[in-house]
Amino acid sequence: MTTSETVKALRNGENVRFFDKGKKCFVQFQLNKKESFICWERHESLDKRNWVKQNEFLSIKDVLNIREKLIEQRIKG
């Protein structure tokens, strides 16, 4: 998924999932619907069933920075 596809999905309110090879877990970003301003939440899970909230108030810039770190970890192995 490219950066522009990720931004488009996030702005449309879709969930975006990645796999973190370092922690060996799934990372999901979703729109925080409880707040009056636009922000995203970060959840982690080992099995895609039991999601644990890690962050509640992320900007799109924060989400893209986390995504870049996950991509760098995947490239490094």
N, C-alpha and C. Protein backbone atom coordinates (compact mmCIF):
# COMPACT_ATOMS: atom_id res chain seq x y z
N MET A 1 0.84 -1.16 0.00
CA MET A 1 0.00 0.00 0.00
C MET A 1 0.90 1.24 0.00
N THR A 2 0.70 2.09 -0.97
CA THR A 2 1.52 3.30 -1.07
C THR A 2 1.06 4.35 -0.06
N THR A 3 1.85 5.39 0.06
CA THR A 3 1.53 6.46 1.01
C THR A 3 0.22 7.13 0.64
N SER A 4 0.01 7.42 -0.63
CA SER A 4 -1.22 8.09 -1.04
C SER A 4 -2.44 7.20 -0.83
N GLU A 5 -2.30 5.89 -1.04
CA GLU A 5 -3.40 4.96 -0.77
C GLU A 5 -3.72 4.91 0.72
N THR A 6 -2.68 4.96 1.55
CA THR A 6 -2.87 4.94 3.00
C THR A 6 -3.59 6.20 3.46
N VAL A 7 -3.17 7.35 2.97
CA VAL A 7 -3.81 8.62 3.34
C VAL A 7 -5.26 8.63 2.89
N LYS A 8 -5.51 8.17 1.68
CA LYS A 8 -6.88 8.14 1.15
C LYS A 8 -7.77 7.24 2.01
N ALA A 9 -7.27 6.07 2.38
CA ALA A 9 -8.05 5.14 3.20
C ALA A 9 -8.33 5.73 4.58
N LEU A 10 -7.32 6.35 5.19
CA LEU A 10 -7.51 6.94 6.50
C LEU A 10 -8.51 8.09 6.48
N ARG A 11 -8.43 8.92 5.46
CA ARG A 11 -9.36 10.05 5.36
C ARG A 11 -10.79 9.60 5.07
N ASN A 12 -10.95 8.45 4.45
CA ASN A 12 -12.28 7.92 4.18
C ASN A 12 -12.85 7.14 5.36
N GLY A 13 -12.09 7.06 6.46
CA GLY A 13 -12.58 6.39 7.65
C GLY A 13 -12.36 4.89 7.67
N GLU A 14 -11.55 4.37 6.75
CA GLU A 14 -11.28 2.94 6.70
C GLU A 14 -10.17 2.57 7.69
N ASN A 15 -10.16 1.31 8.10
CA ASN A 15 -9.09 0.79 8.95
C ASN A 15 -7.91 0.39 8.08
N VAL A 16 -6.70 0.66 8.55
CA VAL A 16 -5.49 0.29 7.83
C VAL A 16 -4.66 -0.60 8.74
N ARG A 17 -4.28 -1.79 8.24
CA ARG A 17 -3.53 -2.75 9.04
C ARG A 17 -2.15 -3.01 8.43
N PHE A 18 -1.18 -3.19 9.32
CA PHE A 18 0.17 -3.53 8.94
C PHE A 18 0.67 -4.61 9.88
N PHE A 19 1.74 -5.29 9.47
CA PHE A 19 2.37 -6.28 10.34
C PHE A 19 3.72 -5.73 10.79
N ASP A 20 3.95 -5.74 12.09
CA ASP A 20 5.20 -5.27 12.67
C ASP A 20 6.09 -6.48 12.90
N LYS A 21 7.15 -6.61 12.07
CA LYS A 21 8.04 -7.76 12.19
C LYS A 21 8.88 -7.71 13.47
N GLY A 22 9.19 -6.52 13.95
CA GLY A 22 9.99 -6.38 15.16
C GLY A 22 9.28 -6.94 16.38
N LYS A 23 8.03 -6.57 16.57
CA LYS A 23 7.24 -7.03 17.71
C LYS A 23 6.44 -8.29 17.39
N LYS A 24 6.41 -8.66 16.11
CA LYS A 24 5.63 -9.80 15.63
C LYS A 24 4.16 -9.66 16.03
N CYS A 25 3.58 -8.52 15.64
CA CYS A 25 2.17 -8.27 15.92
C CYS A 25 1.57 -7.44 14.79
N PHE A 26 0.26 -7.37 14.78
CA PHE A 26 -0.46 -6.58 13.80
C PHE A 26 -0.73 -5.20 14.38
N VAL A 27 -0.66 -4.19 13.52
CA VAL A 27 -0.91 -2.81 13.92
C VAL A 27 -2.06 -2.29 13.06
N GLN A 28 -3.05 -1.71 13.72
CA GLN A 28 -4.21 -1.19 13.01
C GLN A 28 -4.43 0.26 13.37
N PHE A 29 -4.70 1.07 12.37
CA PHE A 29 -5.04 2.48 12.57
C PHE A 29 -6.49 2.67 12.16
N GLN A 30 -7.24 3.37 13.01
CA GLN A 30 -8.63 3.66 12.68
C GLN A 30 -9.00 5.04 13.18
N LEU A 31 -10.04 5.59 12.61
CA LEU A 31 -10.51 6.91 12.98
C LEU A 31 -11.08 6.87 14.39
N ASN A 32 -10.71 7.86 15.21
CA ASN A 32 -11.24 7.97 16.56
C ASN A 32 -12.59 8.67 16.48
N LYS A 33 -13.66 7.90 16.61
CA LYS A 33 -15.01 8.43 16.42
C LYS A 33 -15.57 9.07 17.68
N LYS A 34 -14.86 8.95 18.80
CA LYS A 34 -15.35 9.51 20.06
C LYS A 34 -15.04 11.00 20.21
N GLU A 35 -14.11 11.51 19.41
CA GLU A 35 -13.67 12.90 19.55
C GLU A 35 -14.36 13.80 18.52
N SER A 36 -14.46 15.07 18.85
CA SER A 36 -15.08 16.03 17.94
C SER A 36 -14.11 16.51 16.86
N PHE A 37 -12.81 16.34 17.08
CA PHE A 37 -11.81 16.70 16.07
C PHE A 37 -11.28 15.42 15.43
N ILE A 38 -10.67 15.56 14.28
CA ILE A 38 -10.22 14.39 13.53
C ILE A 38 -8.88 13.91 14.08
N CYS A 39 -8.86 12.66 14.51
CA CYS A 39 -7.64 12.02 14.96
C CYS A 39 -7.81 10.51 14.79
N TRP A 40 -6.72 9.78 14.90
CA TRP A 40 -6.73 8.34 14.69
C TRP A 40 -6.24 7.61 15.93
N GLU A 41 -6.62 6.33 16.02
CA GLU A 41 -6.21 5.46 17.11
C GLU A 41 -5.29 4.38 16.57
N ARG A 42 -4.38 3.91 17.42
CA ARG A 42 -3.48 2.82 17.06
C ARG A 42 -3.78 1.64 17.98
N HIS A 43 -4.00 0.48 17.37
CA HIS A 43 -4.26 -0.74 18.12
C HIS A 43 -3.24 -1.79 17.70
N GLU A 44 -2.88 -2.69 18.63
CA GLU A 44 -1.98 -3.80 18.33
C GLU A 44 -2.62 -5.11 18.76
N SER A 45 -2.30 -6.18 18.02
CA SER A 45 -2.84 -7.49 18.32
C SER A 45 -1.87 -8.57 17.85
N LEU A 46 -1.85 -9.67 18.57
CA LEU A 46 -1.02 -10.80 18.16
C LEU A 46 -1.78 -11.75 17.24
N ASP A 47 -3.11 -11.75 17.31
CA ASP A 47 -3.90 -12.72 16.57
C ASP A 47 -5.06 -12.13 15.76
N LYS A 48 -5.14 -10.83 15.59
CA LYS A 48 -6.18 -10.11 14.87
C LYS A 48 -7.55 -10.22 15.54
N ARG A 49 -7.62 -10.70 16.77
CA ARG A 49 -8.89 -10.79 17.48
C ARG A 49 -8.93 -9.88 18.69
N ASN A 50 -7.89 -9.94 19.48
CA ASN A 50 -7.83 -9.17 20.73
C ASN A 50 -6.97 -7.93 20.51
N TRP A 51 -7.62 -6.81 20.22
CA TRP A 51 -6.91 -5.58 19.92
C TRP A 51 -6.73 -4.77 21.20
N VAL A 52 -5.52 -4.24 21.39
CA VAL A 52 -5.19 -3.42 22.54
C VAL A 52 -4.86 -2.02 22.04
N LYS A 53 -5.55 -1.02 22.60
CA LYS A 53 -5.36 0.36 22.18
C LYS A 53 -4.02 0.87 22.70
N GLN A 54 -3.18 1.40 21.82
CA GLN A 54 -1.88 1.93 22.18
C GLN A 54 -1.89 3.45 22.25
N ASN A 55 -2.51 4.09 21.29
CA ASN A 55 -2.59 5.55 21.23
C ASN A 55 -4.01 5.93 20.84
N GLU A 56 -4.48 7.07 21.36
CA GLU A 56 -5.83 7.53 21.02
C GLU A 56 -5.84 8.75 20.12
N PHE A 57 -4.86 9.61 20.24
CA PHE A 57 -4.89 10.90 19.55
C PHE A 57 -3.68 11.04 18.63
N LEU A 58 -3.77 10.46 17.44
CA LEU A 58 -2.68 10.55 16.47
C LEU A 58 -3.11 11.39 15.28
N SER A 59 -2.20 12.23 14.82
CA SER A 59 -2.47 12.98 13.59
C SER A 59 -2.10 12.09 12.40
N ILE A 60 -2.46 12.52 11.23
CA ILE A 60 -2.13 11.74 10.05
C ILE A 60 -0.62 11.70 9.84
N LYS A 61 0.07 12.75 10.26
CA LYS A 61 1.53 12.78 10.17
C LYS A 61 2.15 11.73 11.09
N ASP A 62 1.60 11.58 12.30
CA ASP A 62 2.07 10.55 13.23
C ASP A 62 1.86 9.15 12.65
N VAL A 63 0.69 8.93 12.06
CA VAL A 63 0.38 7.62 11.47
C VAL A 63 1.36 7.30 10.35
N LEU A 64 1.65 8.27 9.51
CA LEU A 64 2.58 8.04 8.39
C LEU A 64 4.01 7.81 8.89
N ASN A 65 4.42 8.48 9.98
CA ASN A 65 5.74 8.24 10.56
C ASN A 65 5.84 6.82 11.12
N ILE A 66 4.82 6.35 11.80
CA ILE A 66 4.81 4.98 12.33
C ILE A 66 4.84 3.99 11.18
N ARG A 67 4.09 4.28 10.12
CA ARG A 67 4.07 3.40 8.94
C ARG A 67 5.46 3.31 8.30
N GLU A 68 6.15 4.44 8.20
CA GLU A 68 7.50 4.44 7.62
C GLU A 68 8.46 3.61 8.47
N LYS A 69 8.34 3.70 9.79
CA LYS A 69 9.21 2.89 10.67
C LYS A 69 8.93 1.41 10.49
N LEU A 70 7.66 1.03 10.32
CA LEU A 70 7.33 -0.38 10.10
C LEU A 70 7.90 -0.87 8.76
N ILE A 71 7.87 -0.02 7.75
CA ILE A 71 8.42 -0.39 6.45
C ILE A 71 9.93 -0.54 6.53
N GLU A 72 10.62 0.36 7.26
CA GLU A 72 12.06 0.26 7.42
C GLU A 72 12.45 -1.03 8.16
N GLN A 73 11.70 -1.40 9.19
CA GLN A 73 11.97 -2.63 9.91
C GLN A 73 11.79 -3.84 9.02
N ARG A 74 10.80 -3.78 8.14
CA ARG A 74 10.54 -4.91 7.25
C ARG A 74 11.68 -5.06 6.24
N ILE A 75 12.23 -3.94 5.77
CA ILE A 75 13.32 -3.98 4.80
C ILE A 75 14.60 -4.51 5.46
N LYS A 76 14.87 -4.06 6.69
CA LYS A 76 16.08 -4.48 7.39
C LYS A 76 16.03 -5.95 7.80
N GLY A 77 14.84 -6.48 7.92
CA GLY A 77 14.72 -7.91 8.21
C GLY A 77 14.42 -8.16 9.60
